[in-house]
C-alpha atoms as a PDB file:
ATOM      1  CA  UNK A   1     -37.726 -24.129 151.421  1.00  0.00           C
ATOM      2  CA  UNK A   2     -34.553 -24.754 153.362  1.00  0.00           C
ATOM      3  CA  UNK A   3     -31.671 -23.370 151.807  1.00  0.00           C
ATOM      4  CA  UNK A   4     -27.739 -24.407 151.168  1.00  0.00           C
ATOM      5  CA  UNK A   5     -24.465 -22.836 150.568  1.00  0.00           C
ATOM      6  CA  UNK A   6     -23.202 -23.452 148.165  1.00  0.00           C
ATOM      7  CA  UNK A   7     -19.942 -23.754 148.442  1.00  0.00           C
ATOM      8  CA  UNK A   8     -19.824 -26.097 152.339  1.00  0.00           C
ATOM      9  CA  UNK A   9     -23.381 -27.876 151.797  1.00  0.00           C
ATOM     10  CA  UNK A  10     -24.885 -26.752 155.161  1.00  0.00           C
ATOM     11  CA  UNK A  11     -27.970 -24.147 156.077  1.00  0.00           C
ATOM     12  CA  UNK A  12     -28.631 -21.149 155.597  1.00  0.00           C
ATOM     13  CA  UNK A  13     -30.745 -18.607 156.289  1.00  0.00           C
ATOM     14  CA  UNK A  14     -32.780 -16.592 153.836  1.00  0.00           C
ATOM     15  CA  UNK A  15     -31.199 -13.356 155.042  1.00  0.00           C
ATOM     16  CA  UNK A  16     -27.704 -14.374 155.564  1.00  0.00           C
ATOM     17  CA  UNK A  17     -24.731 -13.112 152.968  1.00  0.00           C
ATOM     18  CA  UNK A  18     -21.967 -14.819 154.773  1.00  0.00           C
ATOM     19  CA  UNK A  19     -22.355 -18.904 155.118  1.00  0.00           C
ATOM     20  CA  UNK A  20     -21.850 -19.263 159.292  1.00  0.00           C
ATOM     21  CA  UNK A  21     -19.729 -22.649 158.151  1.00  0.00           C
ATOM     22  CA  UNK A  22     -17.310 -21.543 155.778  1.00  0.00           C
ATOM     23  CA  UNK A  23     -17.780 -18.091 155.521  1.00  0.00           C
ATOM     24  CA  UNK A  24     -17.783 -17.571 151.613  1.00  0.00           C
ATOM     25  CA  UNK A  25     -20.533 -14.524 150.173  1.00  0.00           C
ATOM     26  CA  UNK A  26     -23.417 -15.902 149.349  1.00  0.00           C
ATOM     27  CA  UNK A  27     -24.999 -15.109 145.804  1.00  0.00           C
ATOM     28  CA  UNK A  28     -28.436 -14.268 147.125  1.00  0.00           C
ATOM     29  CA  UNK A  29     -28.753 -11.102 144.589  1.00  0.00           C
ATOM     30  CA  UNK A  30     -28.331 -13.379 141.662  1.00  0.00           C
ATOM     31  CA  UNK A  31     -32.043 -13.916 141.254  1.00  0.00           C
ATOM     32  CA  UNK A  32     -32.958 -10.762 142.158  1.00  0.00           C
ATOM     33  CA  UNK A  33     -30.092  -9.711 138.732  1.00  0.00           C
ATOM     34  CA  UNK A  34     -31.666 -12.192 136.915  1.00  0.00           C
ATOM     35  CA  UNK A  35     -35.267 -10.724 137.189  1.00  0.00           C
ATOM     36  CA  UNK A  36     -33.570  -7.147 136.410  1.00  0.00           C
ATOM     37  CA  UNK A  37     -32.116  -8.369 133.007  1.00  0.00           C
ATOM     38  CA  UNK A  38     -35.455 -10.351 132.398  1.00  0.00           C
ATOM     39  CA  UNK A  39     -37.126  -6.552 133.084  1.00  0.00           C
ATOM     40  CA  UNK A  40     -34.031  -4.774 130.742  1.00  0.00           C
ATOM     41  CA  UNK A  41     -36.141  -3.493 127.815  1.00  0.00           C
ATOM     42  CA  UNK A  42     -34.975  -5.140 124.866  1.00  0.00           C
ATOM     43  CA  UNK A  43     -33.797  -3.337 121.897  1.00  0.00           C
ATOM     44  CA  UNK A  44     -35.610  -2.090 118.344  1.00  0.00           C
ATOM     45  CA  UNK A  45     -34.973  -3.981 116.076  1.00  0.00           C
ATOM     46  CA  UNK A  46     -34.317  -2.540 112.738  1.00  0.00           C
ATOM     47  CA  UNK A  47     -37.140  -3.747 110.046  1.00  0.00           C
ATOM     48  CA  UNK A  48     -35.305  -6.625 108.181  1.00  0.00           C
ATOM     49  CA  UNK A  49     -34.793  -5.516 104.723  1.00  0.00           C
ATOM     50  CA  UNK A  50     -36.843  -8.594 102.410  1.00  0.00           C
ATOM     51  CA  UNK A  51     -34.239  -9.771  99.994  1.00  0.00           C
ATOM     52  CA  UNK A  52     -35.836  -9.262  96.498  1.00  0.00           C
ATOM     53  CA  UNK A  53     -35.821 -12.707  94.405  1.00  0.00           C
ATOM     54  CA  UNK A  54     -32.555 -13.911  92.723  1.00  0.00           C
ATOM     55  CA  UNK A  55     -34.102 -12.945  89.385  1.00  0.00           C
ATOM     56  CA  UNK A  56     -35.012  -9.195  89.900  1.00  0.00           C
ATOM     57  CA  UNK A  57     -31.874  -9.059  91.399  1.00  0.00           C
ATOM     58  CA  UNK A  58     -30.127 -10.657  88.559  1.00  0.00           C
ATOM     59  CA  UNK A  59     -31.674  -8.739  86.093  1.00  0.00           C
ATOM     60  CA  UNK A  60     -31.395  -4.771  87.817  1.00  0.00           C
ATOM     61  CA  UNK A  61     -27.410  -5.576  87.997  1.00  0.00           C
ATOM     62  CA  UNK A  62     -27.335  -6.358  84.276  1.00  0.00           C
ATOM     63  CA  UNK A  63     -29.506  -2.789  83.962  1.00  0.00           C
ATOM     64  CA  UNK A  64     -26.571  -1.611  86.208  1.00  0.00           C
ATOM     65  CA  UNK A  65     -24.108  -3.141  84.154  1.00  0.00           C
ATOM     66  CA  UNK A  66     -25.299  -1.991  81.020  1.00  0.00           C
ATOM     67  CA  UNK A  67     -25.695   1.227  80.912  1.00  0.00           C
ATOM     68  CA  UNK A  68     -22.530   2.335  80.893  1.00  0.00           C
ATOM     69  CA  UNK A  69     -22.200  -1.046  78.483  1.00  0.00           C
ATOM     70  CA  UNK A  70     -24.245   1.380  76.612  1.00  0.00           C
ATOM     71  CA  UNK A  71     -22.735   4.523  76.960  1.00  0.00           C
ATOM     72  CA  UNK A  72     -19.588   3.077  75.601  1.00  0.00           C
ATOM     73  CA  UNK A  73     -21.029   1.906  72.808  1.00  0.00           C
ATOM     74  CA  UNK A  74     -23.022   4.658  72.025  1.00  0.00           C
ATOM     75  CA  UNK A  75     -19.715   6.484  71.720  1.00  0.00           C
ATOM     76  CA  UNK A  76     -17.785   3.765  69.679  1.00  0.00           C
ATOM     77  CA  UNK A  77     -20.940   3.962  67.257  1.00  0.00           C
ATOM     78  CA  UNK A  78     -20.917   7.563  66.847  1.00  0.00           C
ATOM     79  CA  UNK A  79     -17.186   6.929  66.006  1.00  0.00           C
ATOM     80  CA  UNK A  80     -17.235   4.316  63.734  1.00  0.00           C
ATOM     81  CA  UNK A  81     -20.437   5.907  61.614  1.00  0.00           C
ATOM     82  CA  UNK A  82     -18.835   9.426  61.720  1.00  0.00           C
ATOM     83  CA  UNK A  83     -15.939   9.489  58.728  1.00  0.00           C
ATOM     84  CA  UNK A  84     -14.710  11.633  55.888  1.00  0.00           C
ATOM     85  CA  UNK A  85     -17.729  12.159  53.486  1.00  0.00           C
ATOM     86  CA  UNK A  86     -16.358  10.812  50.268  1.00  0.00           C
ATOM     87  CA  UNK A  87     -16.540  12.644  46.518  1.00  0.00           C
ATOM     88  CA  UNK A  88     -20.460  11.165  44.572  1.00  0.00           C
ATOM     89  CA  UNK A  89     -19.197   8.592  41.897  1.00  0.00           C
ATOM     90  CA  UNK A  90     -19.365  10.236  38.666  1.00  0.00           C
ATOM     91  CA  UNK A  91     -22.122   8.122  37.444  1.00  0.00           C
ATOM     92  CA  UNK A  92     -24.016   9.809  40.719  1.00  0.00           C
ATOM     93  CA  UNK A  93     -23.158  13.402  39.434  1.00  0.00           C
ATOM     94  CA  UNK A  94     -24.432  12.836  35.696  1.00  0.00           C
ATOM     95  CA  UNK A  95     -27.895  11.410  37.311  1.00  0.00           C
ATOM     96  CA  UNK A  96     -27.938  14.384  39.716  1.00  0.00           C
ATOM     97  CA  UNK A  97     -27.445  16.406  36.430  1.00  0.00           C
ATOM     98  CA  UNK A  98     -30.240  14.852  34.156  1.00  0.00           C
ATOM     99  CA  UNK A  99     -32.976  15.732  37.426  1.00  0.00           C
ATOM    100  CA  UNK A 100     -31.936  18.967  37.682  1.00  0.00           C
ATOM    101  CA  UNK A 101     -32.547  19.907  33.653  1.00  0.00           C
ATOM    102  CA  UNK A 102     -35.661  18.036  34.438  1.00  0.00           C
ATOM    103  CA  UNK A 103     -36.744  19.915  37.067  1.00  0.00           C
ATOM    104  CA  UNK A 104     -35.145  23.189  35.156  1.00  0.00           C
ATOM    105  CA  UNK A 105     -37.807  22.362  32.176  1.00  0.00           C
ATOM    106  CA  UNK A 106     -40.322  21.706  34.282  1.00  0.00           C
ATOM    107  CA  UNK A 107     -40.141  24.999  35.481  1.00  0.00           C
ATOM    108  CA  UNK A 108     -39.801  26.497  31.490  1.00  0.00           C
ATOM    109  CA  UNK A 109     -42.684  24.483  30.801  1.00  0.00           C
ATOM    110  CA  UNK A 110     -45.152  26.346  33.694  1.00  0.00           C
ATOM    111  CA  UNK A 111     -43.969  29.672  32.864  1.00  0.00           C
ATOM    112  CA  UNK A 112     -44.214  29.032  29.247  1.00  0.00           C
ATOM    113  CA  UNK A 113     -48.008  27.870  29.984  1.00  0.00           C
ATOM    114  CA  UNK A 114     -49.024  30.431  31.635  1.00  0.00           C
ATOM    115  CA  UNK A 115     -47.350  32.718  28.953  1.00  0.00           C
ATOM    116  CA  UNK A 116     -49.193  30.689  26.380  1.00  0.00           C
ATOM    117  CA  UNK A 117     -52.725  31.346  27.836  1.00  0.00           C
ATOM    118  CA  UNK A 118     -52.003  34.650  28.204  1.00  0.00           C
ATOM    119  CA  UNK A 119     -51.367  34.864  24.720  1.00  0.00           C
ATOM    120  CA  UNK A 120     -54.527  33.131  23.092  1.00  0.00           C
ATOM    121  CA  UNK A 121     -56.393  35.445  25.863  1.00  0.00           C
ATOM    122  CA  UNK A 122     -55.648  37.846  23.038  1.00  0.00           C
ATOM    123  CA  UNK A 123     -56.944  36.208  19.852  1.00  0.00           C
ATOM    124  CA  UNK A 124     -59.922  36.341  21.266  1.00  0.00           C
ATOM    125  CA  UNK A 125     -59.966  39.573  22.138  1.00  0.00           C
ATOM    126  CA  UNK A 126     -62.234  42.056  19.925  1.00  0.00           C
ATOM    127  CA  UNK A 127     -58.253  43.811  19.087  1.00  0.00           C
ATOM    128  CA  UNK A 128     -57.579  40.005  17.325  1.00  0.00           C
ATOM    129  CA  UNK A 129     -60.151  40.500  14.276  1.00  0.00           C
ATOM    130  CA  UNK A 130     -59.879  44.396  13.950  1.00  0.00           C
ATOM    131  CA  UNK A 131     -56.120  45.215  14.141  1.00  0.00           C
ATOM    132  CA  UNK A 132     -54.089  43.608  11.846  1.00  0.00           C
ATOM    133  CA  UNK A 133     -50.926  45.068  13.820  1.00  0.00           C
ATOM    134  CA  UNK A 134     -52.345  43.530  17.053  1.00  0.00           C
ATOM    135  CA  UNK A 135     -53.363  40.229  15.231  1.00  0.00           C
ATOM    136  CA  UNK A 136     -49.609  39.604  13.730  1.00  0.00           C
ATOM    137  CA  UNK A 137     -47.724  40.111  17.097  1.00  0.00           C
ATOM    138  CA  UNK A 138     -49.286  38.395  18.594  1.00  0.00           C
ATOM    139  CA  UNK A 139     -49.261  35.223  16.785  1.00  0.00           C
ATOM    140  CA  UNK A 140     -46.089  35.835  16.339  1.00  0.00           C
ATOM    141  CA  UNK A 141     -45.707  35.303  19.994  1.00  0.00           C
ATOM    142  CA  UNK A 142     -47.698  32.371  19.648  1.00  0.00           C
ATOM    143  CA  UNK A 143     -45.519  30.212  17.359  1.00  0.00           C
ATOM    144  CA  UNK A 144     -42.558  31.350  19.108  1.00  0.00           C
ATOM    145  CA  UNK A 145     -44.035  29.815  22.587  1.00  0.00           C
ATOM    146  CA  UNK A 146     -44.817  27.492  20.768  1.00  0.00           C
ATOM    147  CA  UNK A 147     -41.873  25.859  19.380  1.00  0.00           C
ATOM    148  CA  UNK A 148     -40.207  26.828  22.205  1.00  0.00           C
ATOM    149  CA  UNK A 149     -42.496  24.389  24.383  1.00  0.00           C
ATOM    150  CA  UNK A 150     -42.224  22.107  21.476  1.00  0.00           C
ATOM    151  CA  UNK A 151     -38.348  22.285  22.358  1.00  0.00           C
ATOM    152  CA  UNK A 152     -38.343  21.655  25.760  1.00  0.00           C
ATOM    153  CA  UNK A 153     -40.106  19.015  25.501  1.00  0.00           C
ATOM    154  CA  UNK A 154     -38.171  17.045  22.623  1.00  0.00           C
ATOM    155  CA  UNK A 155     -35.187  18.013  25.308  1.00  0.00           C
ATOM    156  CA  UNK A 156     -36.757  16.096  27.909  1.00  0.00           C
ATOM    157  CA  UNK A 157     -37.144  13.262  26.517  1.00  0.00           C
ATOM    158  CA  UNK A 158     -33.860  12.571  25.413  1.00  0.00           C
ATOM    159  CA  UNK A 159     -32.368  13.783  29.169  1.00  0.00           C
ATOM    160  CA  UNK A 160     -35.907  11.667  30.629  1.00  0.00           C
ATOM    161  CA  UNK A 161     -34.331   7.889  28.562  1.00  0.00           C
ATOM    162  CA  UNK A 162     -30.986   8.808  29.801  1.00  0.00           C
ATOM    163  CA  UNK A 163     -32.256   8.986  33.448  1.00  0.00           C
ATOM    164  CA  UNK A 164     -32.546   5.660  35.284  1.00  0.00           C
ATOM    165  CA  UNK A 165     -35.973   4.154  36.043  1.00  0.00           C
ATOM    166  CA  UNK A 166     -36.491   5.870  39.637  1.00  0.00           C
ATOM    167  CA  UNK A 167     -33.883   8.477  40.507  1.00  0.00           C
ATOM    168  CA  UNK A 168     -31.929   7.437  43.491  1.00  0.00           C
ATOM    169  CA  UNK A 169     -32.591   9.692  45.980  1.00  0.00           C
ATOM    170  CA  UNK A 170     -36.228   8.578  45.861  1.00  0.00           C
ATOM    171  CA  UNK A 171     -35.466   5.211  45.023  1.00  0.00           C
ATOM    172  CA  UNK A 172     -33.981   5.524  48.584  1.00  0.00           C
ATOM    173  CA  UNK A 173     -36.143   7.538  50.183  1.00  0.00           C
ATOM    174  CA  UNK A 174     -38.835   4.680  48.977  1.00  0.00           C
ATOM    175  CA  UNK A 175     -37.085   1.597  50.356  1.00  0.00           C
ATOM    176  CA  UNK A 176     -36.601   3.777  54.086  1.00  0.00           C
ATOM    177  CA  UNK A 177     -40.662   3.821  53.894  1.00  0.00           C
ATOM    178  CA  UNK A 178     -41.696  -0.060  52.224  1.00  0.00           C
ATOM    179  CA  UNK A 179     -38.883  -1.538  55.087  1.00  0.00           C
ATOM    180  CA  UNK A 180     -40.612   1.227  58.070  1.00  0.00           C
ATOM    181  CA  UNK A 181     -44.394  -0.059  56.513  1.00  0.00           C
ATOM    182  CA  UNK A 182     -42.863  -4.008  57.000  1.00  0.00           C
ATOM    183  CA  UNK A 183     -41.979  -4.070  60.287  1.00  0.00           C
ATOM    184  CA  UNK A 184     -44.892  -1.716  61.585  1.00  0.00           C
ATOM    185  CA  UNK A 185     -47.246  -4.744  60.232  1.00  0.00           C
ATOM    186  CA  UNK A 186     -44.986  -6.670  61.267  1.00  0.00           C
ATOM    187  CA  UNK A 187     -45.289  -6.360  64.693  1.00  0.00           C
ATOM    188  CA  UNK A 188     -48.981  -5.798  64.783  1.00  0.00           C
ATOM    189  CA  UNK A 189     -49.937  -9.064  63.313  1.00  0.00           C
ATOM    190  CA  UNK A 190     -47.521 -10.588  65.698  1.00  0.00           C
ATOM    191  CA  UNK A 191     -49.632  -9.556  68.508  1.00  0.00           C
ATOM    192  CA  UNK A 192     -52.169 -10.593  66.919  1.00  0.00           C
ATOM    193  CA  UNK A 193     -51.251 -14.264  67.225  1.00  0.00           C
ATOM    194  CA  UNK A 194     -51.047 -14.119  63.270  1.00  0.00           C
ATOM    195  CA  UNK A 195     -47.401 -15.720  63.633  1.00  0.00           C
ATOM    196  CA  UNK A 196     -44.403 -17.969  65.576  1.00  0.00           C
ATOM    197  CA  UNK A 197     -41.887 -15.680  67.751  1.00  0.00           C
ATOM    198  CA  UNK A 198     -39.138 -17.046  65.884  1.00  0.00           C
ATOM    199  CA  UNK A 199     -40.395 -16.210  62.344  1.00  0.00           C
ATOM    200  CA  UNK A 200     -40.923 -12.212  63.556  1.00  0.00           C
ATOM    201  CA  UNK A 201     -37.957 -12.892  65.141  1.00  0.00           C
ATOM    202  CA  UNK A 202     -36.359 -13.836  61.740  1.00  0.00           C
ATOM    203  CA  UNK A 203     -38.480 -11.178  59.113  1.00  0.00           C
ATOM    204  CA  UNK A 204     -37.323  -8.230  61.648  1.00  0.00           C
ATOM    205  CA  UNK A 205     -33.689  -8.539  62.098  1.00  0.00           C
ATOM    206  CA  UNK A 206     -34.481  -8.957  57.927  1.00  0.00           C
ATOM    207  CA  UNK A 207     -36.246  -5.821  57.780  1.00  0.00           C
ATOM    208  CA  UNK A 208     -34.536  -4.088  59.817  1.00  0.00           C
ATOM    209  CA  UNK A 209     -31.010  -5.047  58.292  1.00  0.00           C
ATOM    210  CA  UNK A 210     -32.132  -4.101  54.693  1.00  0.00           C
ATOM    211  CA  UNK A 211     -33.887  -0.173  56.575  1.00  0.00           C
ATOM    212  CA  UNK A 212     -29.997   0.456  57.961  1.00  0.00           C
ATOM    213  CA  UNK A 213     -29.110  -0.582  54.632  1.00  0.00           C
ATOM    214  CA  UNK A 214     -30.981   1.334  52.413  1.00  0.00           C
ATOM    215  CA  UNK A 215     -30.068   4.543  55.397  1.00  0.00           C
ATOM    216  CA  UNK A 216     -26.619   4.080  55.165  1.00  0.00           C
ATOM    217  CA  UNK A 217     -26.719   4.883  51.803  1.00  0.00           C
ATOM    218  CA  UNK A 218     -28.781   7.692  52.101  1.00  0.00           C
ATOM    219  CA  UNK A 219     -26.461   8.995  54.137  1.00  0.00           C
ATOM    220  CA  UNK A 220     -23.703   9.076  52.273  1.00  0.00           C
ATOM    221  CA  UNK A 221     -25.446  10.333  49.603  1.00  0.00           C
ATOM    222  CA  UNK A 222     -26.509  13.298  51.139  1.00  0.00           C
ATOM    223  CA  UNK A 223     -22.322  13.538  52.613  1.00  0.00           C
ATOM    224  CA  UNK A 224     -22.015  13.651  49.269  1.00  0.00           C
ATOM    225  CA  UNK A 225     -24.310  16.211  47.496  1.00  0.00           C
ATOM    226  CA  UNK A 226     -23.329  18.123  50.797  1.00  0.00           C
ATOM    227  CA  UNK A 227     -19.536  17.966  49.885  1.00  0.00           C
ATOM    228  CA  UNK A 228     -20.342  18.868  45.942  1.00  0.00           C
ATOM    229  CA  UNK A 229     -22.246  21.813  46.423  1.00  0.00           C
ATOM    230  CA  UNK A 230     -19.703  23.029  48.516  1.00  0.00           C
ATOM    231  CA  UNK A 231     -17.113  22.473  44.982  1.00  0.00           C
ATOM    232  CA  UNK A 232     -19.504  24.643  43.271  1.00  0.00           C
ATOM    233  CA  UNK A 233     -20.185  27.285  45.705  1.00  0.00           C
ATOM    234  CA  UNK A 234     -16.323  27.721  45.206  1.00  0.00           C
ATOM    235  CA  UNK A 235     -16.720  27.595  41.405  1.00  0.00           C
ATOM    236  CA  UNK A 236     -19.408  30.499  41.927  1.00  0.00           C
ATOM    237  CA  UNK A 237     -17.534  32.806  43.477  1.00  0.00           C
ATOM    238  CA  UNK A 238     -14.606  32.013  40.561  1.00  0.00           C
ATOM    239  CA  UNK A 239     -16.487  32.443  38.234  1.00  0.00           C
ATOM    240  CA  UNK A 240     -17.929  35.829  39.726  1.00  0.00           C
ATOM    241  CA  UNK A 241     -14.096  36.509  40.262  1.00  0.00           C
ATOM    242  CA  UNK A 242     -13.555  36.540  35.996  1.00  0.00           C
ATOM    243  CA  UNK A 243     -16.608  38.578  36.033  1.00  0.00           C
ATOM    244  CA  UNK A 244     -14.767  41.206  37.522  1.00  0.00           C
ATOM    245  CA  UNK A 245     -11.719  40.817  36.482  1.00  0.00           C
ATOM    246  CA  UNK A 246     -13.613  40.957  32.901  1.00  0.00           C
ATOM    247  CA  UNK A 247     -14.899  44.036  33.466  1.00  0.00           C
ATOM    248  CA  UNK A 248     -11.630  45.139  35.163  1.00  0.00           C
ATOM    249  CA  UNK A 249     -10.091  44.683  31.117  1.00  0.00           C
ATOM    250  CA  UNK A 250     -12.676  46.425  29.967  1.00  0.00           C
ATOM    251  CA  UNK A 251     -11.230  49.568  31.627  1.00  0.00           C
ATOM    252  CA  UNK A 252      -8.549  49.347  30.723  1.00  0.00           C
ATOM    253  CA  UNK A 253      -9.329  49.403  27.110  1.00  0.00           C
ATOM    254  CA  UNK A 254      -7.746  45.895  26.908  1.00  0.00           C
ATOM    255  CA  UNK A 255     -10.896  44.632  25.188  1.00  0.00           C
ATOM    256  CA  UNK A 256     -13.673  46.208  23.180  1.00  0.00           C
ATOM    257  CA  UNK A 257     -17.198  46.204  25.425  1.00  0.00           C
ATOM    258  CA  UNK A 258     -18.399  43.523  21.801  1.00  0.00           C
ATOM    259  CA  UNK A 259     -16.297  41.392  23.382  1.00  0.00           C
ATOM    260  CA  UNK A 260     -16.988  42.853  27.189  1.00  0.00           C
ATOM    261  CA  UNK A 261     -20.338  42.266  26.843  1.00  0.00           C
ATOM    262  CA  UNK A 262     -20.463  38.231  25.022  1.00  0.00           C
ATOM    263  CA  UNK A 263     -18.297  37.253  27.770  1.00  0.00           C
ATOM    264  CA  UNK A 264     -20.861  39.082  30.348  1.00  0.00           C
ATOM    265  CA  UNK A 265     -23.807  37.640  28.669  1.00  0.00           C
ATOM    266  CA  UNK A 266     -21.840  34.210  29.166  1.00  0.00           C
ATOM    267  CA  UNK A 267     -20.381  34.887  32.586  1.00  0.00           C
ATOM    268  CA  UNK A 268     -24.215  35.530  33.732  1.00  0.00           C
ATOM    269  CA  UNK A 269     -25.670  33.101  32.089  1.00  0.00           C
ATOM    270  CA  UNK A 270     -22.618  29.984  34.091  1.00  0.00           C
ATOM    271  CA  UNK A 271     -23.479  31.701  37.401  1.00  0.00           C
ATOM    272  CA  UNK A 272     -27.190  31.569  37.083  1.00  0.00           C
ATOM    273  CA  UNK A 273     -26.989  28.205  36.040  1.00  0.00           C
ATOM    274  CA  UNK A 274     -24.715  27.228  38.649  1.00  0.00           C
ATOM    275  CA  UNK A 275     -26.952  29.026  41.153  1.00  0.00           C
ATOM    276  CA  UNK A 276     -30.440  26.809  40.102  1.00  0.00           C
ATOM    277  CA  UNK A 277     -28.256  23.685  40.514  1.00  0.00           C
ATOM    278  CA  UNK A 278     -27.010  25.177  43.595  1.00  0.00           C
ATOM    279  CA  UNK A 279     -30.733  25.326  45.140  1.00  0.00           C
ATOM    280  CA  UNK A 280     -31.958  21.690  43.559  1.00  0.00           C
ATOM    281  CA  UNK A 281     -28.949  20.145  45.801  1.00  0.00           C
ATOM    282  CA  UNK A 282     -29.736  21.879  48.831  1.00  0.00           C
ATOM    283  CA  UNK A 283     -33.436  21.310  48.323  1.00  0.00           C
ATOM    284  CA  UNK A 284     -32.285  17.392  47.508  1.00  0.00           C
ATOM    285  CA  UNK A 285     -31.072  17.288  50.952  1.00  0.00           C
ATOM    286  CA  UNK A 286     -33.385  19.066  53.185  1.00  0.00           C
ATOM    287  CA  UNK A 287     -35.897  16.462  51.839  1.00  0.00           C
END
């Protein structure tokens, strides 16, 4: 097939490098260079990352954004939750005192009941019928224990008449347990499709709110009890100091032995009673 110069249009040979008419260089290597270029291996294409659907992207972005927000929220909540414990109201203290007394009476009744059973066994012993002194001594013990039990029962009735129907700590614990049960039952019923979502959400918010309120009240109560325990421990330390001082007064002959014994017994009774009170209150905050 004949070839022509691209500059002047005169015929040329395939082997010519210059046009014999115009003398300009011919583009004989252009076709070869194109072929070479075509033969060049293509660069490896990196795998294109598939774009995730918009809704998943948004959800992930929300999670990433929410994480620091959640941490800030938790820190903020902790700051808001913590506050200096407030002293217990006198009415609450009174109810706690009554509860402690009631607990102490129950303890004393158990001890006396054990002693009563021991004395009753003695009345069935052969010696009870044959030994007059043994019988008389046993009867005195029996009457004394019965009298103490009767007195304790009367005291218990009087205390319980002043107490609320339900002790405040037990009342709050019971309320929290009830709300937890209601929430579990509500969730189960919703999963079984026995109620619609709107009803479920409304009741869930209601029960959660009541549970949180009761837990908050219980937390404040426990903090108040802890504060009261510290106050009682301080009072007990002061009483122990006064008891030691009382002994010093005896050593310096400021007071007689009779006065010392009477006041020392009074101190011992107060310290023992306060220790029992502290122990009972510590038992309440551990529950």
